[in-house]
């Protein structure tokens, strides 16, 4: 596992793209941003646990979108 050098930009995101900056530039909501966060880091941080978290946010987003229609 990679060492965390900077708590704001930890190495487990590893893409060279700042996740927060990506979310801000693309006007993503909190739930959308968390989906991106967990999917981006799962291989280097918490594995399946992060994918399950992403799935939880996807399920909640789907439910929210259904209620809004």
Protein backbone atom coordinates (compact mmCIF):
# COMPACT_ATOMS: atom_id res chain seq x y z
CA UNK A 1 0.00 0.00 0.00
CA UNK A 2 1.22 3.50 -0.80
CA UNK A 3 2.21 5.86 1.98
CA UNK A 4 0.09 8.94 2.53
CA UNK A 5 2.42 11.89 2.03
CA UNK A 6 -0.18 14.64 1.80
CA UNK A 7 -3.55 14.24 3.53
CA UNK A 8 -5.21 16.44 0.94
CA UNK A 9 -3.72 14.60 -2.06
CA UNK A 10 -2.94 11.07 -0.85
CA UNK A 11 -0.93 8.78 -3.09
CA UNK A 12 -3.67 6.12 -3.25
CA UNK A 13 -5.57 8.24 -5.77
CA UNK A 14 -2.51 7.82 -7.98
CA UNK A 15 -3.95 9.23 -11.19
CA UNK A 16 -2.21 12.59 -11.11
CA UNK A 17 -5.67 14.13 -11.30
CA UNK A 18 -6.93 15.82 -8.15
CA UNK A 19 -10.32 14.25 -7.39
CA UNK A 20 -11.65 17.36 -5.64
CA UNK A 21 -10.59 19.59 -8.53
CA UNK A 22 -12.22 17.17 -11.01
CA UNK A 23 -15.49 17.24 -9.04
CA UNK A 24 -15.49 21.03 -8.78
CA UNK A 25 -14.72 21.56 -12.47
CA UNK A 26 -17.52 19.19 -13.44
CA UNK A 27 -20.08 20.57 -10.97
CA UNK A 28 -20.58 17.18 -9.34
CA UNK A 29 -22.80 16.78 -6.32
CA UNK A 30 -21.59 15.31 -3.02
CA UNK A 31 -22.93 11.87 -3.93
CA UNK A 32 -21.42 11.96 -7.42
CA UNK A 33 -18.08 13.08 -5.98
CA UNK A 34 -18.04 10.24 -3.48
CA UNK A 35 -18.73 7.73 -6.25
CA UNK A 36 -15.71 9.07 -8.15
CA UNK A 37 -13.60 9.08 -4.97
CA UNK A 38 -14.29 5.48 -3.99
CA UNK A 39 -13.99 4.05 -7.50
CA UNK A 40 -10.73 5.91 -8.08
CA UNK A 41 -9.00 4.70 -4.94
CA UNK A 42 -10.35 1.18 -4.37
CA UNK A 43 -7.34 -0.70 -5.81
CA UNK A 44 -4.84 1.07 -3.56
CA UNK A 45 -6.82 1.70 -0.39
CA UNK A 46 -9.76 -0.40 0.80
CA UNK A 47 -10.47 -2.75 -2.12
CA UNK A 48 -13.98 -4.17 -2.24
CA UNK A 49 -15.04 -2.07 0.75
CA UNK A 50 -14.56 1.08 -1.36
CA UNK A 51 -16.51 -0.47 -4.25
CA UNK A 52 -19.33 -1.27 -1.83
CA UNK A 53 -19.29 2.35 -0.64
CA UNK A 54 -19.43 3.56 -4.26
CA UNK A 55 -22.35 1.19 -4.89
CA UNK A 56 -24.17 2.55 -1.83
CA UNK A 57 -23.81 6.10 -3.19
CA UNK A 58 -24.94 4.96 -6.66
CA UNK A 59 -28.00 3.27 -5.14
CA UNK A 60 -28.82 6.41 -3.14
CA UNK A 61 -28.37 8.60 -6.22
CA UNK A 62 -30.68 6.35 -8.24
CA UNK A 63 -33.29 6.51 -5.49
CA UNK A 64 -32.99 10.31 -5.31
CA UNK A 65 -33.35 10.66 -9.09
CA UNK A 66 -36.43 8.42 -9.08
CA UNK A 67 -38.09 10.55 -6.40
CA UNK A 68 -37.34 13.74 -8.35
CA UNK A 69 -39.17 12.56 -11.49
